[in-house]
Amino acid sequence: MLRFQYRPVEIEVSLDLFAAALDAEGIPCDGRFYEAVYRSDLFHAEPETSPQLYLKRAQPVDYTEVYCPVWVPQFVLLGDNGDVEDIGRAVAKVSRNLADLADTEPTLSRHSQE
């Protein structure tokens, strides 16, 4: 599973519309219902028991400070490098066009009516 942060700076576009736009680009994703592994009680990582939290870092990763609301399902990442590059291109395209997306009817988001 690929997770990343969505932090619009200048143009406010809802997470739902951003995810719907990625979906329209052929990248299935969501940001509403999935409990992130790093927030789950099943994932208990502390620097004392998980040395990978320090890997090439001066300070260990503190997952209580992490929030990555957008997720792309794992099966999307099963392709080759070109498929992963497609994800990057789709995110960049949607990000470049946030102004147009901000003017979009909010009901185009698949979650707007829930």
PDB file of N, CA and C in Angstrom:
ATOM      1  N   MET A   1       0.829  -1.165   0.000  1.00  0.00           N
ATOM      2  CA  MET A   1       0.000   0.000   0.000  1.00  0.00           C
ATOM      3  C   MET A   1       0.876   1.232   0.000  1.00  0.00           C
ATOM      4  N   LEU A   2       0.554   2.156  -0.860  1.00  0.00           N
ATOM      5  CA  LEU A   2       1.251   3.428  -0.932  1.00  0.00           C
ATOM      6  C   LEU A   2       0.390   4.468  -0.222  1.00  0.00           C
ATOM      7  N   ARG A   3       0.971   5.161   0.718  1.00  0.00           N
ATOM      8  CA  ARG A   3       0.251   6.213   1.434  1.00  0.00           C
ATOM      9  C   ARG A   3       1.059   7.492   1.307  1.00  0.00           C
ATOM     10  N   PHE A   4       0.354   8.586   1.150  1.00  0.00           N
ATOM     11  CA  PHE A   4       1.053   9.862   1.100  1.00  0.00           C
ATOM     12  C   PHE A   4       0.170  10.967   1.645  1.00  0.00           C
ATOM     13  N   GLN A   5       0.806  12.070   1.986  1.00  0.00           N
ATOM     14  CA  GLN A   5       0.074  13.211   2.515  1.00  0.00           C
ATOM     15  C   GLN A   5      -0.491  14.053   1.388  1.00  0.00           C
ATOM     16  N   TYR A   6      -1.615  14.639   1.658  1.00  0.00           N
ATOM     17  CA  TYR A   6      -2.218  15.606   0.745  1.00  0.00           C
ATOM     18  C   TYR A   6      -2.404  16.890   1.536  1.00  0.00           C
ATOM     19  N   ARG A   7      -1.609  17.907   1.186  1.00  0.00           N
ATOM     20  CA  ARG A   7      -1.665  19.181   1.903  1.00  0.00           C
ATOM     21  C   ARG A   7      -1.764  20.324   0.894  1.00  0.00           C
ATOM     22  N   PRO A   8      -2.976  20.650   0.461  1.00  0.00           N
ATOM     23  CA  PRO A   8      -3.093  21.781  -0.474  1.00  0.00           C
ATOM     24  C   PRO A   8      -2.678  23.068   0.223  1.00  0.00           C
ATOM     25  N   VAL A   9      -1.879  23.864  -0.452  1.00  0.00           N
ATOM     26  CA  VAL A   9      -1.336  25.065   0.171  1.00  0.00           C
ATOM     27  C   VAL A   9      -2.107  26.313  -0.268  1.00  0.00           C
ATOM     28  N   GLU A  10      -2.173  26.552  -1.553  1.00  0.00           N
ATOM     29  CA  GLU A  10      -2.785  27.784  -2.043  1.00  0.00           C
ATOM     30  C   GLU A  10      -4.237  27.601  -2.462  1.00  0.00           C
ATOM     31  N   ILE A  11      -4.582  26.427  -2.937  1.00  0.00           N
ATOM     32  CA  ILE A  11      -5.929  26.179  -3.460  1.00  0.00           C
ATOM     33  C   ILE A  11      -6.555  25.058  -2.648  1.00  0.00           C
ATOM     34  N   GLU A  12      -7.658  25.352  -2.004  1.00  0.00           N
ATOM     35  CA  GLU A  12      -8.331  24.346  -1.181  1.00  0.00           C
ATOM     36  C   GLU A  12      -9.201  23.443  -2.052  1.00  0.00           C
ATOM     37  N   VAL A  13      -8.844  22.192  -2.117  1.00  0.00           N
ATOM     38  CA  VAL A  13      -9.620  21.170  -2.808  1.00  0.00           C
ATOM     39  C   VAL A  13      -9.776  20.028  -1.823  1.00  0.00           C
ATOM     40  N   SER A  14     -10.993  19.545  -1.668  1.00  0.00           N
ATOM     41  CA  SER A  14     -11.225  18.484  -0.687  1.00  0.00           C
ATOM     42  C   SER A  14     -10.435  17.229  -1.044  1.00  0.00           C
ATOM     43  N   LEU A  15     -10.122  16.476  -0.025  1.00  0.00           N
ATOM     44  CA  LEU A  15      -9.433  15.206  -0.218  1.00  0.00           C
ATOM     45  C   LEU A  15     -10.256  14.280  -1.107  1.00  0.00           C
ATOM     46  N   ASP A  16     -11.578  14.303  -0.942  1.00  0.00           N
ATOM     47  CA  ASP A  16     -12.441  13.459  -1.762  1.00  0.00           C
ATOM     48  C   ASP A  16     -12.319  13.787  -3.243  1.00  0.00           C
ATOM     49  N   LEU A  17     -12.313  15.081  -3.584  1.00  0.00           N
ATOM     50  CA  LEU A  17     -12.176  15.456  -4.994  1.00  0.00           C
ATOM     51  C   LEU A  17     -10.789  15.120  -5.524  1.00  0.00           C
ATOM     52  N   PHE A  18      -9.767  15.312  -4.712  1.00  0.00           N
ATOM     53  CA  PHE A  18      -8.412  14.960  -5.123  1.00  0.00           C
ATOM     54  C   PHE A  18      -8.336  13.462  -5.431  1.00  0.00           C
ATOM     55  N   ALA A  19      -8.891  12.628  -4.531  1.00  0.00           N
ATOM     56  CA  ALA A  19      -8.886  11.176  -4.747  1.00  0.00           C
ATOM     57  C   ALA A  19      -9.718  10.801  -5.968  1.00  0.00           C
ATOM     58  N   ALA A  20     -10.851  11.465  -6.168  1.00  0.00           N
ATOM     59  CA  ALA A  20     -11.685  11.181  -7.337  1.00  0.00           C
ATOM     60  C   ALA A  20     -10.952  11.544  -8.626  1.00  0.00           C
ATOM     61  N   ALA A  21     -10.196  12.638  -8.602  1.00  0.00           N
ATOM     62  CA  ALA A  21      -9.431  13.034  -9.785  1.00  0.00           C
ATOM     63  C   ALA A  21      -8.330  12.017 -10.085  1.00  0.00           C
ATOM     64  N   LEU A  22      -7.657  11.510  -9.061  1.00  0.00           N
ATOM     65  CA  LEU A  22      -6.653  10.454  -9.285  1.00  0.00           C
ATOM     66  C   LEU A  22      -7.317   9.206  -9.853  1.00  0.00           C
ATOM     67  N   ASP A  23      -8.475   8.876  -9.316  1.00  0.00           N
ATOM     68  CA  ASP A  23      -9.239   7.731  -9.825  1.00  0.00           C
ATOM     69  C   ASP A  23      -9.548   7.920 -11.315  1.00  0.00           C
ATOM     70  N   ALA A  24      -9.932   9.150 -11.686  1.00  0.00           N
ATOM     71  CA  ALA A  24     -10.228   9.440 -13.088  1.00  0.00           C
ATOM     72  C   ALA A  24      -8.989   9.311 -13.973  1.00  0.00           C
ATOM     73  N   GLU A  25      -7.816   9.472 -13.377  1.00  0.00           N
ATOM     74  CA  GLU A  25      -6.554   9.308 -14.108  1.00  0.00           C
ATOM     75  C   GLU A  25      -6.121   7.845 -14.160  1.00  0.00           C
ATOM     76  N   GLY A  26      -6.944   6.958 -13.605  1.00  0.00           N
ATOM     77  CA  GLY A  26      -6.630   5.531 -13.646  1.00  0.00           C
ATOM     78  C   GLY A  26      -5.856   5.031 -12.439  1.00  0.00           C
ATOM     79  N   ILE A  27      -5.752   5.849 -11.401  1.00  0.00           N
ATOM     80  CA  ILE A  27      -5.044   5.452 -10.184  1.00  0.00           C
ATOM     81  C   ILE A  27      -6.077   5.286  -9.069  1.00  0.00           C
ATOM     82  N   PRO A  28      -6.490   4.055  -8.775  1.00  0.00           N
ATOM     83  CA  PRO A  28      -7.476   3.871  -7.716  1.00  0.00           C
ATOM     84  C   PRO A  28      -6.890   4.280  -6.375  1.00  0.00           C
ATOM     85  N   CYS A  29      -7.625   5.105  -5.658  1.00  0.00           N
ATOM     86  CA  CYS A  29      -7.151   5.547  -4.352  1.00  0.00           C
ATOM     87  C   CYS A  29      -8.325   6.001  -3.511  1.00  0.00           C
ATOM     88  N   ASP A  30      -8.053   6.242  -2.260  1.00  0.00           N
ATOM     89  CA  ASP A  30      -9.096   6.693  -1.350  1.00  0.00           C
ATOM     90  C   ASP A  30      -8.430   7.415  -0.200  1.00  0.00           C
ATOM     91  N   GLY A  31      -9.225   7.943   0.677  1.00  0.00           N
ATOM     92  CA  GLY A  31      -8.678   8.632   1.825  1.00  0.00           C
ATOM     93  C   GLY A  31      -9.677   8.749   2.954  1.00  0.00           C
ATOM     94  N   ARG A  32     -10.716   7.917   2.943  1.00  0.00           N
ATOM     95  CA  ARG A  32     -11.772   8.107   3.922  1.00  0.00           C
ATOM     96  C   ARG A  32     -11.873   7.019   4.973  1.00  0.00           C
ATOM     97  N   PHE A  33     -11.804   5.776   4.589  1.00  0.00           N
ATOM     98  CA  PHE A  33     -12.193   4.745   5.547  1.00  0.00           C
ATOM     99  C   PHE A  33     -11.056   3.867   6.051  1.00  0.00           C
ATOM    100  N   TYR A  34      -9.921   3.923   5.470  1.00  0.00           N
ATOM    101  CA  TYR A  34      -8.838   3.021   5.825  1.00  0.00           C
ATOM    102  C   TYR A  34      -8.139   3.488   7.099  1.00  0.00           C
ATOM    103  N   GLU A  35      -7.958   2.590   8.049  1.00  0.00           N
ATOM    104  CA  GLU A  35      -7.153   2.917   9.224  1.00  0.00           C
ATOM    105  C   GLU A  35      -5.695   2.636   8.870  1.00  0.00           C
ATOM    106  N   ALA A  36      -4.907   3.666   8.947  1.00  0.00           N
ATOM    107  CA  ALA A  36      -3.493   3.515   8.615  1.00  0.00           C
ATOM    108  C   ALA A  36      -2.826   2.531   9.565  1.00  0.00           C
ATOM    109  N   VAL A  37      -1.953   1.697   9.031  1.00  0.00           N
ATOM    110  CA  VAL A  37      -1.261   0.699   9.833  1.00  0.00           C
ATOM    111  C   VAL A  37      -0.531   1.358  10.994  1.00  0.00           C
ATOM    112  N   TYR A  38       0.121   2.492  10.739  1.00  0.00           N
ATOM    113  CA  TYR A  38       0.894   3.149  11.788  1.00  0.00           C
ATOM    114  C   TYR A  38       0.000   3.741  12.889  1.00  0.00           C
ATOM    115  N   ARG A  39      -1.316   3.815  12.653  1.00  0.00           N
ATOM    116  CA  ARG A  39      -2.244   4.295  13.687  1.00  0.00           C
ATOM    117  C   ARG A  39      -2.961   3.134  14.388  1.00  0.00           C
ATOM    118  N   SER A  40      -2.793   1.941  13.893  1.00  0.00           N
ATOM    119  CA  SER A  40      -3.480   0.773  14.433  1.00  0.00           C
ATOM    120  C   SER A  40      -2.830   0.277  15.721  1.00  0.00           C
ATOM    121  N   ASP A  41      -3.644  -0.248  16.625  1.00  0.00           N
ATOM    122  CA  ASP A  41      -3.117  -0.864  17.838  1.00  0.00           C
ATOM    123  C   ASP A  41      -2.271  -2.095  17.513  1.00  0.00           C
ATOM    124  N   LEU A  42      -2.454  -2.658  16.325  1.00  0.00           N
ATOM    125  CA  LEU A  42      -1.691  -3.838  15.925  1.00  0.00           C
ATOM    126  C   LEU A  42      -0.244  -3.497  15.578  1.00  0.00           C
ATOM    127  N   PHE A  43       0.015  -2.239  15.285  1.00  0.00           N
ATOM    128  CA  PHE A  43       1.348  -1.786  14.902  1.00  0.00           C
ATOM    129  C   PHE A  43       1.945  -1.046  16.091  1.00  0.00           C
ATOM    130  N   HIS A  44       2.786  -1.721  16.794  1.00  0.00           N
ATOM    131  CA  HIS A  44       3.370  -1.121  17.985  1.00  0.00           C
ATOM    132  C   HIS A  44       4.882  -1.053  17.785  1.00  0.00           C
ATOM    133  N   ALA A  45       5.324   0.051  17.240  1.00  0.00           N
ATOM    134  CA  ALA A  45       6.755   0.208  16.957  1.00  0.00           C
ATOM    135  C   ALA A  45       7.339   1.291  17.852  1.00  0.00           C
ATOM    136  N   GLU A  46       8.367   0.910  18.582  1.00  0.00           N
ATOM    137  CA  GLU A  46       9.097   1.847  19.428  1.00  0.00           C
ATOM    138  C   GLU A  46      10.573   1.733  19.088  1.00  0.00           C
ATOM    139  N   PRO A  47      11.327   2.816  19.241  1.00  0.00           N
ATOM    140  CA  PRO A  47      12.752   2.780  18.895  1.00  0.00           C
ATOM    141  C   PRO A  47      13.515   1.664  19.604  1.00  0.00           C
ATOM    142  N   GLU A  48      13.109   1.326  20.824  1.00  0.00           N
ATOM    143  CA  GLU A  48      13.818   0.288  21.583  1.00  0.00           C
ATOM    144  C   GLU A  48      13.647  -1.101  20.959  1.00  0.00           C
ATOM    145  N   THR A  49      12.513  -1.335  20.310  1.00  0.00           N
ATOM    146  CA  THR A  49      12.242  -2.660  19.749  1.00  0.00           C
ATOM    147  C   THR A  49      12.257  -2.678  18.221  1.00  0.00           C
ATOM    148  N   SER A  50      12.343  -1.510  17.601  1.00  0.00           N
ATOM    149  CA  SER A  50      12.302  -1.417  16.143  1.00  0.00           C
ATOM    150  C   SER A  50      13.444  -0.526  15.643  1.00  0.00           C
ATOM    151  N   PRO A  51      14.636  -1.097  15.504  1.00  0.00           N
ATOM    152  CA  PRO A  51      15.792  -0.272  15.104  1.00  0.00           C
ATOM    153  C   PRO A  51      15.632   0.389  13.737  1.00  0.00           C
ATOM    154  N   GLN A  52      14.739  -0.121  12.895  1.00  0.00           N
ATOM    155  CA  GLN A  52      14.549   0.494  11.576  1.00  0.00           C
ATOM    156  C   GLN A  52      14.007   1.917  11.686  1.00  0.00           C
ATOM    157  N   LEU A  53      13.437   2.284  12.833  1.00  0.00           N
ATOM    158  CA  LEU A  53      12.965   3.654  13.023  1.00  0.00           C
ATOM    159  C   LEU A  53      14.109   4.652  13.038  1.00  0.00           C
ATOM    160  N   TYR A  54      15.322   4.165  13.337  1.00  0.00           N
ATOM    161  CA  TYR A  54      16.513   5.011  13.355  1.00  0.00           C
ATOM    162  C   TYR A  54      17.280   4.998  12.030  1.00  0.00           C
ATOM    163  N   LEU A  55      16.946   4.090  11.150  1.00  0.00           N
ATOM    164  CA  LEU A  55      17.717   3.861   9.937  1.00  0.00           C
ATOM    165  C   LEU A  55      18.057   5.162   9.205  1.00  0.00           C
ATOM    166  N   LYS A  56      19.337   5.522   9.206  1.00  0.00           N
ATOM    167  CA  LYS A  56      19.873   6.713   8.531  1.00  0.00           C
ATOM    168  C   LYS A  56      19.220   8.006   9.015  1.00  0.00           C
ATOM    169  N   ARG A  57      18.845   8.045  10.288  1.00  0.00           N
ATOM    170  CA  ARG A  57      18.215   9.236  10.856  1.00  0.00           C
ATOM    171  C   ARG A  57      18.888   9.604  12.167  1.00  0.00           C
ATOM    172  N   ALA A  58      18.955  10.887  12.454  1.00  0.00           N
ATOM    173  CA  ALA A  58      19.492  11.339  13.740  1.00  0.00           C
ATOM    174  C   ALA A  58      18.503  11.029  14.862  1.00  0.00           C
ATOM    175  N   GLN A  59      17.216  11.150  14.559  1.00  0.00           N
ATOM    176  CA  GLN A  59      16.145  10.849  15.508  1.00  0.00           C
ATOM    177  C   GLN A  59      15.236   9.790  14.907  1.00  0.00           C
ATOM    178  N   PRO A  60      14.652   8.930  15.730  1.00  0.00           N
ATOM    179  CA  PRO A  60      13.759   7.903  15.180  1.00  0.00           C
ATOM    180  C   PRO A  60      12.460   8.513  14.650  1.00  0.00           C
ATOM    181  N   VAL A  61      11.826   7.817  13.730  1.00  0.00           N
ATOM    182  CA  VAL A  61      10.524   8.239  13.221  1.00  0.00           C
ATOM    183  C   VAL A  61       9.525   8.160  14.369  1.00  0.00           C
ATOM    184  N   ASP A  62       8.730   9.197  14.516  1.00  0.00           N
ATOM    185  CA  ASP A  62       7.678   9.222  15.530  1.00  0.00           C
ATOM    186  C   ASP A  62       6.341   9.132  14.808  1.00  0.00           C
ATOM    187  N   TYR A  63       5.767   7.941  14.771  1.00  0.00           N
ATOM    188  CA  TYR A  63       4.537   7.736  14.015  1.00  0.00           C
ATOM    189  C   TYR A  63       3.327   8.430  14.615  1.00  0.00           C
ATOM    190  N   THR A  64       3.425   8.918  15.842  1.00  0.00           N
ATOM    191  CA  THR A  64       2.302   9.678  16.395  1.00  0.00           C
ATOM    192  C   THR A  64       2.192  11.042  15.716  1.00  0.00           C
ATOM    193  N   GLU A  65       3.256  11.457  15.024  1.00  0.00           N
ATOM    194  CA  GLU A  65       3.258  12.744  14.330  1.00  0.00           C
ATOM    195  C   GLU A  65       2.965  12.602  12.836  1.00  0.00           C
ATOM    196  N   VAL A  66       2.699  11.390  12.362  1.00  0.00           N
ATOM    197  CA  VAL A  66       2.509  11.128  10.936  1.00  0.00           C
ATOM    198  C   VAL A  66       1.017  11.083  10.610  1.00  0.00           C
ATOM    199  N   TYR A  67       0.658  11.698   9.486  1.00  0.00           N
ATOM    200  CA  TYR A  67      -0.707  11.593   8.989  1.00  0.00           C
ATOM    201  C   TYR A  67      -0.659  11.558   7.468  1.00  0.00           C
ATOM    202  N   CYS A  68      -0.981  10.426   6.898  1.00  0.00           N
ATOM    203  CA  CYS A  68      -0.970  10.250   5.445  1.00  0.00           C
ATOM    204  C   CYS A  68      -2.365   9.807   5.017  1.00  0.00           C
ATOM    205  N   PRO A  69      -3.247  10.751   4.677  1.00  0.00           N
ATOM    206  CA  PRO A  69      -4.645  10.407   4.451  1.00  0.00           C
ATOM    207  C   PRO A  69      -4.971   9.773   3.106  1.00  0.00           C
ATOM    208  N   VAL A  70      -4.092   9.844   2.135  1.00  0.00           N
ATOM    209  CA  VAL A  70      -4.394   9.283   0.816  1.00  0.00           C
ATOM    210  C   VAL A  70      -3.724   7.923   0.706  1.00  0.00           C
ATOM    211  N   TRP A  71      -4.473   6.936   0.245  1.00  0.00           N
ATOM    212  CA  TRP A  71      -3.856   5.619   0.077  1.00  0.00           C
ATOM    213  C   TRP A  71      -4.167   5.055  -1.295  1.00  0.00           C
ATOM    214  N   VAL A  72      -3.179   4.362  -1.827  1.00  0.00           N
ATOM    215  CA  VAL A  72      -3.272   3.659  -3.105  1.00  0.00           C
ATOM    216  C   VAL A  72      -3.122   2.184  -2.770  1.00  0.00           C
ATOM    217  N   PRO A  73      -4.075   1.341  -3.187  1.00  0.00           N
ATOM    218  CA  PRO A  73      -4.005  -0.074  -2.812  1.00  0.00           C
ATOM    219  C   PRO A  73      -2.752  -0.780  -3.338  1.00  0.00           C
ATOM    220  N   GLN A  74      -2.338  -1.774  -2.624  1.00  0.00           N
ATOM    221  CA  GLN A  74      -1.101  -2.495  -2.910  1.00  0.00           C
ATOM    222  C   GLN A  74      -1.071  -3.087  -4.316  1.00  0.00           C
ATOM    223  N   PHE A  75      -2.187  -3.559  -4.836  1.00  0.00           N
ATOM    224  CA  PHE A  75      -2.161  -4.208  -6.155  1.00  0.00           C
ATOM    225  C   PHE A  75      -1.742  -3.245  -7.259  1.00  0.00           C
ATOM    226  N   VAL A  76      -1.912  -1.949  -7.040  1.00  0.00           N
ATOM    227  CA  VAL A  76      -1.495  -0.960  -8.032  1.00  0.00           C
ATOM    228  C   VAL A  76       0.027  -0.935  -8.153  1.00  0.00           C
ATOM    229  N   LEU A  77       0.713  -1.344  -7.106  1.00  0.00           N
ATOM    230  CA  LEU A  77       2.171  -1.311  -7.081  1.00  0.00           C
ATOM    231  C   LEU A  77       2.811  -2.610  -7.556  1.00  0.00           C
ATOM    232  N   LEU A  78       2.019  -3.546  -8.050  1.00  0.00           N
ATOM    233  CA  LEU A  78       2.560  -4.836  -8.466  1.00  0.00           C
ATOM    234  C   LEU A  78       3.170  -4.825  -9.863  1.00  0.00           C
ATOM    235  N   GLY A  79       3.050  -3.721 -10.566  1.00  0.00           N
ATOM    236  CA  GLY A  79       3.587  -3.641 -11.916  1.00  0.00           C
ATOM    237  C   GLY A  79       5.069  -3.333 -11.927  1.00  0.00           C
ATOM    238  N   ASP A  80       5.511  -2.795 -13.040  1.00  0.00           N
ATOM    239  CA  ASP A  80       6.931  -2.462 -13.181  1.00  0.00           C
ATOM    240  C   ASP A  80       7.171  -0.995 -12.811  1.00  0.00           C
ATOM    241  N   ASN A  81       8.388  -0.544 -13.001  1.00  0.00           N
ATOM    242  CA  ASN A  81       8.737   0.839 -12.661  1.00  0.00           C
ATOM    243  C   ASN A  81       7.891   1.850 -13.422  1.00  0.00           C
ATOM    244  N   GLY A  82       7.532   1.527 -14.643  1.00  0.00           N
ATOM    245  CA  GLY A  82       6.686   2.428 -15.438  1.00  0.00           C
ATOM    246  C   GLY A  82       5.327   2.637 -14.796  1.00  0.00           C
ATOM    247  N   ASP A  83       4.792   1.590 -14.182  1.00  0.00           N
ATOM    248  CA  ASP A  83       3.503   1.716 -13.503  1.00  0.00           C
ATOM    249  C   ASP A  83       3.606   2.649 -12.296  1.00  0.00           C
ATOM    250  N   VAL A  84       4.699   2.540 -11.563  1.00  0.00           N
ATOM    251  CA  VAL A  84       4.902   3.433 -10.417  1.00  0.00           C
ATOM    252  C   VAL A  84       5.102   4.869 -10.910  1.00  0.00           C
ATOM    253  N   GLU A  85       5.809   5.034 -12.011  1.00  0.00           N
ATOM    254  CA  GLU A  85       5.973   6.370 -12.584  1.00  0.00           C
ATOM    255  C   GLU A  85       4.634   6.946 -13.021  1.00  0.00           C
ATOM    256  N   ASP A  86       3.721   6.092 -13.498  1.00  0.00           N
ATOM    257  CA  ASP A  86       2.373   6.543 -13.863  1.00  0.00           C
ATOM    258  C   ASP A  86       1.653   7.144 -12.661  1.00  0.00           C
ATOM    259  N   ILE A  87       1.835   6.547 -11.498  1.00  0.00           N
ATOM    260  CA  ILE A  87       1.223   7.085 -10.282  1.00  0.00           C
ATOM    261  C   ILE A  87       1.770   8.486 -10.022  1.00  0.00           C
ATOM    262  N   GLY A  88       3.080   8.630 -10.101  1.00  0.00           N
ATOM    263  CA  GLY A  88       3.705   9.937  -9.890  1.00  0.00           C
ATOM    264  C   GLY A  88       3.224  10.973 -10.890  1.00  0.00           C
ATOM    265  N   ARG A  89       3.115  10.573 -12.153  1.00  0.00           N
ATOM    266  CA  ARG A  89       2.628  11.504 -13.177  1.00  0.00           C
ATOM    267  C   ARG A  89       1.183  11.920 -12.908  1.00  0.00           C
ATOM    268  N   ALA A  90       0.349  10.972 -12.479  1.00  0.00           N
ATOM    269  CA  ALA A  90      -1.055  11.286 -12.191  1.00  0.00           C
ATOM    270  C   ALA A  90      -1.167  12.247 -11.008  1.00  0.00           C
ATOM    271  N   VAL A  91      -0.400  12.004  -9.954  1.00  0.00           N
ATOM    272  CA  VAL A  91      -0.419  12.904  -8.789  1.00  0.00           C
ATOM    273  C   VAL A  91       0.052  14.291  -9.217  1.00  0.00           C
ATOM    274  N   ALA A  92       1.116  14.361 -10.014  1.00  0.00           N
ATOM    275  CA  ALA A  92       1.633  15.657 -10.475  1.00  0.00           C
ATOM    276  C   ALA A  92       0.596  16.377 -11.343  1.00  0.00           C
ATOM    277  N   LYS A  93      -0.072  15.644 -12.221  1.00  0.00           N
ATOM    278  CA  LYS A  93      -1.081  16.249 -13.105  1.00  0.00           C
ATOM    279  C   LYS A  93      -2.236  16.815 -12.292  1.00  0.00           C
ATOM    280  N   VAL A  94      -2.761  16.024 -11.371  1.00  0.00           N
ATOM    281  CA  VAL A  94      -3.875  16.495 -10.547  1.00  0.00           C
ATOM    282  C   VAL A  94      -3.426  17.690  -9.714  1.00  0.00           C
ATOM    283  N   SER A  95      -2.223  17.629  -9.166  1.00  0.00           N
ATOM    284  CA  SER A  95      -1.707  18.735  -8.355  1.00  0.00           C
ATOM    285  C   SER A  95      -1.551  20.014  -9.165  1.00  0.00           C
ATOM    286  N   ARG A  96      -1.102  19.886 -10.420  1.00  0.00           N
ATOM    287  CA  ARG A  96      -0.955  21.062 -11.285  1.00  0.00           C
ATOM    288  C   ARG A  96      -2.296  21.697 -11.617  1.00  0.00           C
ATOM    289  N   ASN A  97      -3.345  20.914 -11.557  1.00  0.00           N
ATOM    290  CA  ASN A  97      -4.663  21.382 -11.979  1.00  0.00           C
ATOM    291  C   ASN A  97      -5.631  21.572 -10.820  1.00  0.00           C
ATOM    292  N   LEU A  98      -5.116  21.870  -9.643  1.00  0.00           N
ATOM    293  CA  LEU A  98      -5.987  22.063  -8.478  1.00  0.00           C
ATOM    294  C   LEU A  98      -6.963  23.220  -8.665  1.00  0.00           C
ATOM    295  N   ALA A  99      -6.558  24.262  -9.382  1.00  0.00           N
ATOM    296  CA  ALA A  99      -7.460  25.399  -9.595  1.00  0.00           C
ATOM    297  C   ALA A  99      -8.705  24.953 -10.354  1.00  0.00           C
ATOM    298  N   ASP A 100      -8.509  24.161 -11.402  1.00  0.00           N
ATOM    299  CA  ASP A 100      -9.660  23.643 -12.153  1.00  0.00           C
ATOM    300  C   ASP A 100     -10.484  22.709 -11.282  1.00  0.00           C
ATOM    301  N   LEU A 101      -9.806  21.905 -10.496  1.00  0.00           N
ATOM    302  CA  LEU A 101     -10.504  20.956  -9.635  1.00  0.00           C
ATOM    303  C   LEU A 101     -11.318  21.689  -8.566  1.00  0.00           C
ATOM    304  N   ALA A 102     -10.801  22.808  -8.080  1.00  0.00           N
ATOM    305  CA  ALA A 102     -11.519  23.586  -7.066  1.00  0.00           C
ATOM    306  C   ALA A 102     -12.840  24.121  -7.602  1.00  0.00           C
ATOM    307  N   ASP A 103     -12.904  24.341  -8.921  1.00  0.00           N
ATOM    308  CA  ASP A 103     -14.137  24.840  -9.543  1.00  0.00           C
ATOM    309  C   ASP A 103     -15.104  23.725  -9.918  1.00  0.00           C
ATOM    310  N   THR A 104     -14.711  22.486  -9.656  1.00  0.00           N
ATOM    311  CA  THR A 104     -15.519  21.323 -10.019  1.00  0.00           C
ATOM    312  C   THR A 104     -16.685  21.154  -9.053  1.00  0.00           C
ATOM    313  N   GLU A 105     -17.765  20.661  -9.557  1.00  0.00           N
ATOM    314  CA  GLU A 105     -18.933  20.365  -8.727  1.00  0.00           C
ATOM    315  C   GLU A 105     -18.554  19.321  -7.683  1.00  0.00           C
ATOM    316  N   PRO A 106     -18.727  19.613  -6.380  1.00  0.00           N
ATOM    317  CA  PRO A 106     -18.330  18.679  -5.322  1.00  0.00           C
ATOM    318  C   PRO A 106     -19.004  17.319  -5.414  1.00  0.00           C
ATOM    319  N   THR A 107     -20.166  17.245  -6.053  1.00  0.00           N
ATOM    320  CA  THR A 107     -20.860  15.948  -6.137  1.00  0.00           C
ATOM    321  C   THR A 107     -20.145  14.980  -7.071  1.00  0.00           C
ATOM    322  N   LEU A 108     -19.132  15.451  -7.800  1.00  0.00           N
ATOM    323  CA  LEU A 108     -18.364  14.534  -8.636  1.00  0.00           C
ATOM    324  C   LEU A 108     -17.525  13.574  -7.793  1.00  0.00           C
ATOM    325  N   SER A 109     -17.306  13.940  -6.563  1.00  0.00           N
ATOM    326  CA  SER A 109     -16.596  13.030  -5.652  1.00  0.00           C
ATOM    327  C   SER A 109     -17.524  11.871  -5.331  1.00  0.00           C
ATOM    328  N   ARG A 110     -17.002  10.669  -5.379  1.00  0.00           N
ATOM    329  CA  ARG A 110     -17.840   9.493  -5.149  1.00  0.00           C
ATOM    330  C   ARG A 110     -18.333   9.388  -3.705  1.00  0.00           C
ATOM    331  N   HIS A 111     -17.789  10.193  -2.806  1.00  0.00           N
ATOM    332  CA  HIS A 111     -18.189  10.124  -1.402  1.00  0.00           C
ATOM    333  C   HIS A 111     -19.063  11.300  -0.984  1.00  0.00           C
ATOM    334  N   SER A 112     -19.339  12.224  -1.864  1.00  0.00           N
ATOM    335  CA  SER A 112     -20.012  13.442  -1.464  1.00  0.00           C
ATOM    336  C   SER A 112     -21.447  13.217  -1.012  1.00  0.00           C
ATOM    337  N   GLN A 113     -22.035  12.088  -1.376  1.00  0.00           N
ATOM    338  CA  GLN A 113     -23.433  11.865  -1.037  1.00  0.00           C
ATOM    339  C   GLN A 113     -23.609  10.878   0.108  1.00  0.00           C
ATOM    340  N   GLU A 114     -22.508  10.472   0.732  1.00  0.00           N
ATOM    341  CA  GLU A 114     -22.604   9.518   1.843  1.00  0.00           C
ATOM    342  C   GLU A 114     -22.931  10.235   3.121  1.00  0.00           C
TER     343      GLU A 114
END
